[in-house]
Amino acid sequence: MTVYTHNRSLKGDTFLGFPLQGFGFLISLLLTLAMGFFTFFASTALAIFALLGWNLLGHHAVNYADSYRFVGLPAGSVALVGAFFVFGRLWLRALTHRG
């Protein structure tokens, strides 16, 4: 069996594996929102499971809505703002390297 590979070298600069060519505003915005949503849902799920264990093992009665309010929302907000600066910087850098 013969395997053909195409040696595709990235022309131009990369930042953490992201190519700076063709890195437009819409992709930056989409990646920023995806990072915020993923962080919100992942941290909320982990907090719900942690509260489940806390309530079952310790015979407590902590409300599960606290995981959204005190874990998911702050984590998602921090990730959204951080991703905004990271992907915004990547977009501006790609914008300046096009010329």
PDB file of N, CA and C in Angstrom:
ATOM      1  N   MET A   1       0.835  -1.166   0.000  1.00  0.00           N
ATOM      2  CA  MET A   1       0.000   0.000   0.000  1.00  0.00           C
ATOM      3  C   MET A   1       0.886   1.238   0.000  1.00  0.00           C
ATOM      4  N   THR A   2       0.605   2.125  -0.892  1.00  0.00           N
ATOM      5  CA  THR A   2       1.381   3.347  -1.002  1.00  0.00           C
ATOM      6  C   THR A   2       0.599   4.493  -0.365  1.00  0.00           C
ATOM      7  N   VAL A   3       1.264   5.226   0.461  1.00  0.00           N
ATOM      8  CA  VAL A   3       0.639   6.360   1.127  1.00  0.00           C
ATOM      9  C   VAL A   3       1.245   7.628   0.562  1.00  0.00           C
ATOM     10  N   TYR A   4       0.394   8.476   0.047  1.00  0.00           N
ATOM     11  CA  TYR A   4       0.837   9.745  -0.485  1.00  0.00           C
ATOM     12  C   TYR A   4       0.534  10.834   0.534  1.00  0.00           C
ATOM     13  N   THR A   5       1.534  11.586   0.826  1.00  0.00           N
ATOM     14  CA  THR A   5       1.337  12.707   1.736  1.00  0.00           C
ATOM     15  C   THR A   5       1.688  13.990   1.016  1.00  0.00           C
ATOM     16  N   HIS A   6       1.005  14.997   1.418  1.00  0.00           N
ATOM     17  CA  HIS A   6       1.252  16.309   0.844  1.00  0.00           C
ATOM     18  C   HIS A   6       1.992  17.123   1.888  1.00  0.00           C
ATOM     19  N   ASN A   7       3.191  17.514   1.589  1.00  0.00           N
ATOM     20  CA  ASN A   7       3.985  18.285   2.522  1.00  0.00           C
ATOM     21  C   ASN A   7       3.553  19.736   2.434  1.00  0.00           C
ATOM     22  N   ARG A   8       2.702  20.121   3.359  1.00  0.00           N
ATOM     23  CA  ARG A   8       2.169  21.485   3.361  1.00  0.00           C
ATOM     24  C   ARG A   8       2.875  22.283   4.446  1.00  0.00           C
ATOM     25  N   SER A   9       3.729  23.148   4.041  1.00  0.00           N
ATOM     26  CA  SER A   9       4.412  23.983   5.015  1.00  0.00           C
ATOM     27  C   SER A   9       3.618  25.279   5.180  1.00  0.00           C
ATOM     28  N   LEU A  10       3.575  25.731   6.412  1.00  0.00           N
ATOM     29  CA  LEU A  10       2.855  26.970   6.690  1.00  0.00           C
ATOM     30  C   LEU A  10       3.730  28.144   6.290  1.00  0.00           C
ATOM     31  N   LYS A  11       3.203  28.951   5.436  1.00  0.00           N
ATOM     32  CA  LYS A  11       3.918  30.148   5.045  1.00  0.00           C
ATOM     33  C   LYS A  11       3.532  31.260   6.007  1.00  0.00           C
ATOM     34  N   GLY A  12       4.498  31.898   6.535  1.00  0.00           N
ATOM     35  CA  GLY A  12       4.213  32.980   7.453  1.00  0.00           C
ATOM     36  C   GLY A  12       4.322  32.543   8.903  1.00  0.00           C
ATOM     37  N   ASP A  13       3.913  33.433   9.767  1.00  0.00           N
ATOM     38  CA  ASP A  13       4.044  33.203  11.195  1.00  0.00           C
ATOM     39  C   ASP A  13       2.877  32.401  11.739  1.00  0.00           C
ATOM     40  N   THR A  14       3.146  31.741  12.843  1.00  0.00           N
ATOM     41  CA  THR A  14       2.091  31.057  13.591  1.00  0.00           C
ATOM     42  C   THR A  14       2.198  31.486  15.049  1.00  0.00           C
ATOM     43  N   PHE A  15       1.094  31.397  15.753  1.00  0.00           N
ATOM     44  CA  PHE A  15       1.055  31.702  17.173  1.00  0.00           C
ATOM     45  C   PHE A  15       0.311  30.580  17.863  1.00  0.00           C
ATOM     46  N   LEU A  16       1.035  29.790  18.658  1.00  0.00           N
ATOM     47  CA  LEU A  16       0.485  28.626  19.346  1.00  0.00           C
ATOM     48  C   LEU A  16      -0.191  27.664  18.373  1.00  0.00           C
ATOM     49  N   GLY A  17       0.348  27.526  17.198  1.00  0.00           N
ATOM     50  CA  GLY A  17      -0.189  26.619  16.201  1.00  0.00           C
ATOM     51  C   GLY A  17      -1.242  27.229  15.303  1.00  0.00           C
ATOM     52  N   PHE A  18      -1.730  28.417  15.628  1.00  0.00           N
ATOM     53  CA  PHE A  18      -2.721  29.085  14.793  1.00  0.00           C
ATOM     54  C   PHE A  18      -2.011  29.833  13.678  1.00  0.00           C
ATOM     55  N   PRO A  19      -2.339  29.548  12.439  1.00  0.00           N
ATOM     56  CA  PRO A  19      -1.726  30.310  11.356  1.00  0.00           C
ATOM     57  C   PRO A  19      -2.289  31.724  11.336  1.00  0.00           C
ATOM     58  N   LEU A  20      -1.422  32.668  11.087  1.00  0.00           N
ATOM     59  CA  LEU A  20      -1.861  34.058  11.068  1.00  0.00           C
ATOM     60  C   LEU A  20      -2.422  34.466   9.716  1.00  0.00           C
ATOM     61  N   GLN A  21      -2.238  33.647   8.714  1.00  0.00           N
ATOM     62  CA  GLN A  21      -2.813  33.957   7.414  1.00  0.00           C
ATOM     63  C   GLN A  21      -4.266  33.528   7.402  1.00  0.00           C
ATOM     64  N   GLY A  22      -5.145  34.381   6.972  1.00  0.00           N
ATOM     65  CA  GLY A  22      -6.550  34.045   6.864  1.00  0.00           C
ATOM     66  C   GLY A  22      -7.278  34.006   8.195  1.00  0.00           C
ATOM     67  N   PHE A  23      -6.695  34.556   9.231  1.00  0.00           N
ATOM     68  CA  PHE A  23      -7.312  34.570  10.553  1.00  0.00           C
ATOM     69  C   PHE A  23      -8.128  35.845  10.655  1.00  0.00           C
ATOM     70  N   GLY A  24      -9.400  35.751  10.256  1.00  0.00           N
ATOM     71  CA  GLY A  24     -10.228  36.938  10.143  1.00  0.00           C
ATOM     72  C   GLY A  24     -10.984  37.268  11.409  1.00  0.00           C
ATOM     73  N   PHE A  25     -11.764  38.332  11.317  1.00  0.00           N
ATOM     74  CA  PHE A  25     -12.528  38.836  12.460  1.00  0.00           C
ATOM     75  C   PHE A  25     -13.589  37.838  12.898  1.00  0.00           C
ATOM     76  N   LEU A  26     -14.279  37.240  11.951  1.00  0.00           N
ATOM     77  CA  LEU A  26     -15.359  36.311  12.285  1.00  0.00           C
ATOM     78  C   LEU A  26     -14.828  35.057  12.984  1.00  0.00           C
ATOM     79  N   ILE A  27     -13.698  34.550  12.533  1.00  0.00           N
ATOM     80  CA  ILE A  27     -13.103  33.384  13.179  1.00  0.00           C
ATOM     81  C   ILE A  27     -12.642  33.741  14.585  1.00  0.00           C
ATOM     82  N   SER A  28     -12.065  34.912  14.760  1.00  0.00           N
ATOM     83  CA  SER A  28     -11.645  35.353  16.092  1.00  0.00           C
ATOM     84  C   SER A  28     -12.835  35.464  17.026  1.00  0.00           C
ATOM     85  N   LEU A  29     -13.909  36.037  16.545  1.00  0.00           N
ATOM     86  CA  LEU A  29     -15.109  36.193  17.365  1.00  0.00           C
ATOM     87  C   LEU A  29     -15.729  34.845  17.699  1.00  0.00           C
ATOM     88  N   LEU A  30     -15.770  33.952  16.738  1.00  0.00           N
ATOM     89  CA  LEU A  30     -16.334  32.621  16.957  1.00  0.00           C
ATOM     90  C   LEU A  30     -15.505  31.827  17.965  1.00  0.00           C
ATOM     91  N   LEU A  31     -14.195  31.867  17.857  1.00  0.00           N
ATOM     92  CA  LEU A  31     -13.337  31.166  18.805  1.00  0.00           C
ATOM     93  C   LEU A  31     -13.443  31.765  20.206  1.00  0.00           C
ATOM     94  N   THR A  32     -13.605  33.068  20.302  1.00  0.00           N
ATOM     95  CA  THR A  32     -13.779  33.719  21.596  1.00  0.00           C
ATOM     96  C   THR A  32     -15.067  33.260  22.266  1.00  0.00           C
ATOM     97  N   LEU A  33     -16.162  33.260  21.530  1.00  0.00           N
ATOM     98  CA  LEU A  33     -17.439  32.829  22.089  1.00  0.00           C
ATOM     99  C   LEU A  33     -17.418  31.340  22.434  1.00  0.00           C
ATOM    100  N   ALA A  34     -16.784  30.540  21.593  1.00  0.00           N
ATOM    101  CA  ALA A  34     -16.702  29.112  21.865  1.00  0.00           C
ATOM    102  C   ALA A  34     -15.905  28.842  23.143  1.00  0.00           C
ATOM    103  N   MET A  35     -14.846  29.575  23.351  1.00  0.00           N
ATOM    104  CA  MET A  35     -14.045  29.396  24.564  1.00  0.00           C
ATOM    105  C   MET A  35     -14.847  29.772  25.810  1.00  0.00           C
ATOM    106  N   GLY A  36     -15.594  30.858  25.739  1.00  0.00           N
ATOM    107  CA  GLY A  36     -16.413  31.268  26.876  1.00  0.00           C
ATOM    108  C   GLY A  36     -17.519  30.272  27.182  1.00  0.00           C
ATOM    109  N   PHE A  37     -18.220  29.808  26.155  1.00  0.00           N
ATOM    110  CA  PHE A  37     -19.300  28.837  26.356  1.00  0.00           C
ATOM    111  C   PHE A  37     -18.770  27.503  26.865  1.00  0.00           C
ATOM    112  N   PHE A  38     -17.680  27.032  26.288  1.00  0.00           N
ATOM    113  CA  PHE A  38     -17.114  25.758  26.721  1.00  0.00           C
ATOM    114  C   PHE A  38     -16.673  25.818  28.177  1.00  0.00           C
ATOM    115  N   THR A  39     -16.025  26.909  28.561  1.00  0.00           N
ATOM    116  CA  THR A  39     -15.576  27.053  29.938  1.00  0.00           C
ATOM    117  C   THR A  39     -16.756  27.130  30.885  1.00  0.00           C
ATOM    118  N   PHE A  40     -17.803  27.866  30.495  1.00  0.00           N
ATOM    119  CA  PHE A  40     -18.994  27.965  31.339  1.00  0.00           C
ATOM    120  C   PHE A  40     -19.621  26.601  31.573  1.00  0.00           C
ATOM    121  N   PHE A  41     -19.847  25.859  30.510  1.00  0.00           N
ATOM    122  CA  PHE A  41     -20.529  24.576  30.647  1.00  0.00           C
ATOM    123  C   PHE A  41     -19.656  23.526  31.323  1.00  0.00           C
ATOM    124  N   ALA A  42     -18.363  23.513  31.033  1.00  0.00           N
ATOM    125  CA  ALA A  42     -17.480  22.533  31.663  1.00  0.00           C
ATOM    126  C   ALA A  42     -17.332  22.798  33.157  1.00  0.00           C
ATOM    127  N   SER A  43     -17.146  24.058  33.532  1.00  0.00           N
ATOM    128  CA  SER A  43     -16.991  24.359  34.956  1.00  0.00           C
ATOM    129  C   SER A  43     -18.298  24.167  35.702  1.00  0.00           C
ATOM    130  N   THR A  44     -19.434  24.446  35.063  1.00  0.00           N
ATOM    131  CA  THR A  44     -20.724  24.214  35.708  1.00  0.00           C
ATOM    132  C   THR A  44     -20.962  22.724  35.910  1.00  0.00           C
ATOM    133  N   ALA A  45     -20.626  21.915  34.928  1.00  0.00           N
ATOM    134  CA  ALA A  45     -20.812  20.469  35.066  1.00  0.00           C
ATOM    135  C   ALA A  45     -19.941  19.917  36.196  1.00  0.00           C
ATOM    136  N   LEU A  46     -18.686  20.354  36.261  1.00  0.00           N
ATOM    137  CA  LEU A  46     -17.815  19.905  37.338  1.00  0.00           C
ATOM    138  C   LEU A  46     -18.328  20.359  38.699  1.00  0.00           C
ATOM    139  N   ALA A  47     -18.865  21.576  38.771  1.00  0.00           N
ATOM    140  CA  ALA A  47     -19.394  22.085  40.036  1.00  0.00           C
ATOM    141  C   ALA A  47     -20.657  21.330  40.448  1.00  0.00           C
ATOM    142  N   ILE A  48     -21.484  20.955  39.499  1.00  0.00           N
ATOM    143  CA  ILE A  48     -22.691  20.184  39.829  1.00  0.00           C
ATOM    144  C   ILE A  48     -22.313  18.822  40.382  1.00  0.00           C
ATOM    145  N   PHE A  49     -21.339  18.159  39.757  1.00  0.00           N
ATOM    146  CA  PHE A  49     -20.904  16.856  40.273  1.00  0.00           C
ATOM    147  C   PHE A  49     -20.231  16.991  41.639  1.00  0.00           C
ATOM    148  N   ALA A  50     -19.494  18.072  41.836  1.00  0.00           N
ATOM    149  CA  ALA A  50     -18.882  18.292  43.146  1.00  0.00           C
ATOM    150  C   ALA A  50     -19.950  18.539  44.204  1.00  0.00           C
ATOM    151  N   LEU A  51     -20.981  19.309  43.871  1.00  0.00           N
ATOM    152  CA  LEU A  51     -22.082  19.529  44.814  1.00  0.00           C
ATOM    153  C   LEU A  51     -22.875  18.254  45.066  1.00  0.00           C
ATOM    154  N   LEU A  52     -22.995  17.425  44.055  1.00  0.00           N
ATOM    155  CA  LEU A  52     -23.670  16.146  44.234  1.00  0.00           C
ATOM    156  C   LEU A  52     -22.941  15.294  45.271  1.00  0.00           C
ATOM    157  N   GLY A  53     -21.632  15.213  45.128  1.00  0.00           N
ATOM    158  CA  GLY A  53     -20.845  14.477  46.107  1.00  0.00           C
ATOM    159  C   GLY A  53     -20.894  15.114  47.483  1.00  0.00           C
ATOM    160  N   TRP A  54     -20.828  16.433  47.523  1.00  0.00           N
ATOM    161  CA  TRP A  54     -20.898  17.154  48.795  1.00  0.00           C
ATOM    162  C   TRP A  54     -22.235  16.912  49.497  1.00  0.00           C
ATOM    163  N   ASN A  55     -23.312  16.964  48.742  1.00  0.00           N
ATOM    164  CA  ASN A  55     -24.639  16.767  49.331  1.00  0.00           C
ATOM    165  C   ASN A  55     -24.859  15.320  49.768  1.00  0.00           C
ATOM    166  N   LEU A  56     -24.376  14.368  48.970  1.00  0.00           N
ATOM    167  CA  LEU A  56     -24.597  12.966  49.313  1.00  0.00           C
ATOM    168  C   LEU A  56     -23.703  12.490  50.456  1.00  0.00           C
ATOM    169  N   LEU A  57     -22.440  12.856  50.408  1.00  0.00           N
ATOM    170  CA  LEU A  57     -21.505  12.362  51.419  1.00  0.00           C
ATOM    171  C   LEU A  57     -21.615  13.122  52.742  1.00  0.00           C
ATOM    172  N   GLY A  58     -21.946  14.398  52.675  1.00  0.00           N
ATOM    173  CA  GLY A  58     -21.987  15.187  53.898  1.00  0.00           C
ATOM    174  C   GLY A  58     -23.374  15.454  54.428  1.00  0.00           C
ATOM    175  N   HIS A  59     -24.382  14.922  53.756  1.00  0.00           N
ATOM    176  CA  HIS A  59     -25.789  15.139  54.147  1.00  0.00           C
ATOM    177  C   HIS A  59     -26.117  16.628  54.235  1.00  0.00           C
ATOM    178  N   HIS A  60     -25.638  17.375  53.240  1.00  0.00           N
ATOM    179  CA  HIS A  60     -25.917  18.803  53.154  1.00  0.00           C
ATOM    180  C   HIS A  60     -27.078  19.021  52.197  1.00  0.00           C
ATOM    181  N   ALA A  61     -27.550  20.248  52.129  1.00  0.00           N
ATOM    182  CA  ALA A  61     -28.643  20.584  51.216  1.00  0.00           C
ATOM    183  C   ALA A  61     -28.309  21.854  50.443  1.00  0.00           C
ATOM    184  N   VAL A  62     -27.164  21.848  49.747  1.00  0.00           N
ATOM    185  CA  VAL A  62     -26.759  23.006  48.961  1.00  0.00           C
ATOM    186  C   VAL A  62     -27.520  22.988  47.645  1.00  0.00           C
ATOM    187  N   ASN A  63     -28.041  24.136  47.241  1.00  0.00           N
ATOM    188  CA  ASN A  63     -28.818  24.255  46.015  1.00  0.00           C
ATOM    189  C   ASN A  63     -27.884  24.128  44.801  1.00  0.00           C
ATOM    190  N   TYR A  64     -28.312  23.357  43.810  1.00  0.00           N
ATOM    191  CA  TYR A  64     -27.484  23.146  42.607  1.00  0.00           C
ATOM    192  C   TYR A  64     -27.409  24.390  41.730  1.00  0.00           C
ATOM    193  N   ALA A  65     -28.321  25.326  41.899  1.00  0.00           N
ATOM    194  CA  ALA A  65     -28.262  26.566  41.130  1.00  0.00           C
ATOM    195  C   ALA A  65     -27.063  27.418  41.527  1.00  0.00           C
ATOM    196  N   ASP A  66     -26.511  27.150  42.693  1.00  0.00           N
ATOM    197  CA  ASP A  66     -25.306  27.874  43.111  1.00  0.00           C
ATOM    198  C   ASP A  66     -24.124  27.560  42.214  1.00  0.00           C
ATOM    199  N   SER A  67     -24.118  26.382  41.587  1.00  0.00           N
ATOM    200  CA  SER A  67     -23.019  26.044  40.689  1.00  0.00           C
ATOM    201  C   SER A  67     -23.014  26.939  39.453  1.00  0.00           C
ATOM    202  N   TYR A  68     -24.188  27.338  38.995  1.00  0.00           N
ATOM    203  CA  TYR A  68     -24.248  28.277  37.871  1.00  0.00           C
ATOM    204  C   TYR A  68     -23.785  29.657  38.298  1.00  0.00           C
ATOM    205  N   ARG A  69     -24.285  30.100  39.423  1.00  0.00           N
ATOM    206  CA  ARG A  69     -24.079  31.470  39.877  1.00  0.00           C
ATOM    207  C   ARG A  69     -22.667  31.720  40.376  1.00  0.00           C
ATOM    208  N   PHE A  70     -22.127  30.784  41.146  1.00  0.00           N
ATOM    209  CA  PHE A  70     -20.855  31.033  41.811  1.00  0.00           C
ATOM    210  C   PHE A  70     -19.657  30.365  41.137  1.00  0.00           C
ATOM    211  N   VAL A  71     -19.882  29.450  40.208  1.00  0.00           N
ATOM    212  CA  VAL A  71     -18.760  28.786  39.531  1.00  0.00           C
ATOM    213  C   VAL A  71     -18.812  29.030  38.029  1.00  0.00           C
ATOM    214  N   GLY A  72     -19.929  28.679  37.389  1.00  0.00           N
ATOM    215  CA  GLY A  72     -20.020  28.749  35.929  1.00  0.00           C
ATOM    216  C   GLY A  72     -19.942  30.158  35.377  1.00  0.00           C
ATOM    217  N   LEU A  73     -20.700  31.069  35.962  1.00  0.00           N
ATOM    218  CA  LEU A  73     -20.718  32.443  35.452  1.00  0.00           C
ATOM    219  C   LEU A  73     -19.372  33.150  35.618  1.00  0.00           C
ATOM    220  N   PRO A  74     -18.740  33.101  36.798  1.00  0.00           N
ATOM    221  CA  PRO A  74     -17.424  33.752  36.891  1.00  0.00           C
ATOM    222  C   PRO A  74     -16.371  33.105  35.991  1.00  0.00           C
ATOM    223  N   ALA A  75     -16.352  31.772  35.927  1.00  0.00           N
ATOM    224  CA  ALA A  75     -15.351  31.103  35.092  1.00  0.00           C
ATOM    225  C   ALA A  75     -15.578  31.412  33.612  1.00  0.00           C
ATOM    226  N   GLY A  76     -16.825  31.381  33.178  1.00  0.00           N
ATOM    227  CA  GLY A  76     -17.129  31.703  31.790  1.00  0.00           C
ATOM    228  C   GLY A  76     -16.805  33.142  31.447  1.00  0.00           C
ATOM    229  N   SER A  77     -17.074  34.049  32.379  1.00  0.00           N
ATOM    230  CA  SER A  77     -16.783  35.469  32.137  1.00  0.00           C
ATOM    231  C   SER A  77     -15.286  35.723  32.043  1.00  0.00           C
ATOM    232  N   VAL A  78     -14.522  35.114  32.933  1.00  0.00           N
ATOM    233  CA  VAL A  78     -13.063  35.284  32.894  1.00  0.00           C
ATOM    234  C   VAL A  78     -12.493  34.694  31.605  1.00  0.00           C
ATOM    235  N   ALA A  79     -12.978  33.525  31.213  1.00  0.00           N
ATOM    236  CA  ALA A  79     -12.496  32.898  29.984  1.00  0.00           C
ATOM    237  C   ALA A  79     -12.891  33.714  28.755  1.00  0.00           C
ATOM    238  N   LEU A  80     -14.099  34.292  28.772  1.00  0.00           N
ATOM    239  CA  LEU A  80     -14.548  35.099  27.639  1.00  0.00           C
ATOM    240  C   LEU A  80     -13.693  36.351  27.478  1.00  0.00           C
ATOM    241  N   VAL A  81     -13.407  37.020  28.585  1.00  0.00           N
ATOM    242  CA  VAL A  81     -12.571  38.228  28.518  1.00  0.00           C
ATOM    243  C   VAL A  81     -11.140  37.872  28.131  1.00  0.00           C
ATOM    244  N   GLY A  82     -10.621  36.793  28.708  1.00  0.00           N
ATOM    245  CA  GLY A  82      -9.266  36.377  28.349  1.00  0.00           C
ATOM    246  C   GLY A  82      -9.152  35.961  26.897  1.00  0.00           C
ATOM    247  N   ALA A  83     -10.130  35.216  26.415  1.00  0.00           N
ATOM    248  CA  ALA A  83     -10.114  34.793  25.011  1.00  0.00           C
ATOM    249  C   ALA A  83     -10.296  35.978  24.078  1.00  0.00           C
ATOM    250  N   PHE A  84     -11.055  36.984  24.523  1.00  0.00           N
ATOM    251  CA  PHE A  84     -11.227  38.189  23.708  1.00  0.00           C
ATOM    252  C   PHE A  84      -9.886  38.861  23.470  1.00  0.00           C
ATOM    253  N   PHE A  85      -9.080  38.966  24.519  1.00  0.00           N
ATOM    254  CA  PHE A  85      -7.773  39.605  24.356  1.00  0.00           C
ATOM    255  C   PHE A  85      -6.814  38.740  23.542  1.00  0.00           C
ATOM    256  N   VAL A  86      -6.827  37.442  23.764  1.00  0.00           N
ATOM    257  CA  VAL A  86      -5.910  36.560  23.031  1.00  0.00           C
ATOM    258  C   VAL A  86      -6.268  36.514  21.550  1.00  0.00           C
ATOM    259  N   PHE A  87      -7.534  36.225  21.240  1.00  0.00           N
ATOM    260  CA  PHE A  87      -7.919  36.101  19.836  1.00  0.00           C
ATOM    261  C   PHE A  87      -8.020  37.461  19.145  1.00  0.00           C
ATOM    262  N   GLY A  88      -8.298  38.507  19.913  1.00  0.00           N
ATOM    263  CA  GLY A  88      -8.252  39.853  19.339  1.00  0.00           C
ATOM    264  C   GLY A  88      -6.842  40.239  18.950  1.00  0.00           C
ATOM    265  N   ARG A  89      -5.889  39.862  19.782  1.00  0.00           N
ATOM    266  CA  ARG A  89      -4.485  40.118  19.461  1.00  0.00           C
ATOM    267  C   ARG A  89      -4.068  39.320  18.228  1.00  0.00           C
ATOM    268  N   LEU A  90      -4.512  38.075  18.150  1.00  0.00           N
ATOM    269  CA  LEU A  90      -4.197  37.272  16.968  1.00  0.00           C
ATOM    270  C   LEU A  90      -4.787  37.880  15.706  1.00  0.00           C
ATOM    271  N   TRP A  91      -6.013  38.383  15.800  1.00  0.00           N
ATOM    272  CA  TRP A  91      -6.646  38.995  14.629  1.00  0.00           C
ATOM    273  C   TRP A  91      -5.895  40.252  14.215  1.00  0.00           C
ATOM    274  N   LEU A  92      -5.537  41.092  15.198  1.00  0.00           N
ATOM    275  CA  LEU A  92      -4.795  42.310  14.855  1.00  0.00           C
ATOM    276  C   LEU A  92      -3.422  41.987  14.295  1.00  0.00           C
ATOM    277  N   ARG A  93      -2.785  40.953  14.839  1.00  0.00           N
ATOM    278  CA  ARG A  93      -1.481  40.557  14.316  1.00  0.00           C
ATOM    279  C   ARG A  93      -1.583  40.029  12.898  1.00  0.00           C
ATOM    280  N   ALA A  94      -2.641  39.259  12.628  1.00  0.00           N
ATOM    281  CA  ALA A  94      -2.841  38.759  11.268  1.00  0.00           C
ATOM    282  C   ALA A  94      -3.182  39.900  10.311  1.00  0.00           C
ATOM    283  N   LEU A  95      -3.884  40.878  10.822  1.00  0.00           N
ATOM    284  CA  LEU A  95      -4.259  42.036  10.004  1.00  0.00           C
ATOM    285  C   LEU A  95      -3.009  42.832   9.600  1.00  0.00           C
ATOM    286  N   THR A  96      -2.048  42.941  10.505  1.00  0.00           N
ATOM    287  CA  THR A  96      -0.839  43.695  10.188  1.00  0.00           C
ATOM    288  C   THR A  96       0.142  42.892   9.334  1.00  0.00           C
ATOM    289  N   HIS A  97       0.076  41.560   9.380  1.00  0.00           N
ATOM    290  CA  HIS A  97       0.999  40.727   8.607  1.00  0.00           C
ATOM    291  C   HIS A  97       0.508  40.436   7.206  1.00  0.00           C
ATOM    292  N   ARG A  98      -0.667  40.882   6.830  1.00  0.00           N
ATOM    293  CA  ARG A  98      -1.189  40.597   5.485  1.00  0.00           C
ATOM    294  C   ARG A  98      -0.476  41.399   4.412  1.00  0.00           C
ATOM    295  N   GLY A  99      -0.016  42.538   4.768  1.00  0.00           N
ATOM    296  CA  GLY A  99       0.575  43.427   3.775  1.00  0.00           C
ATOM    297  C   GLY A  99       1.942  43.074   3.360  1.00  0.00           C
TER     298      GLY A  99
END
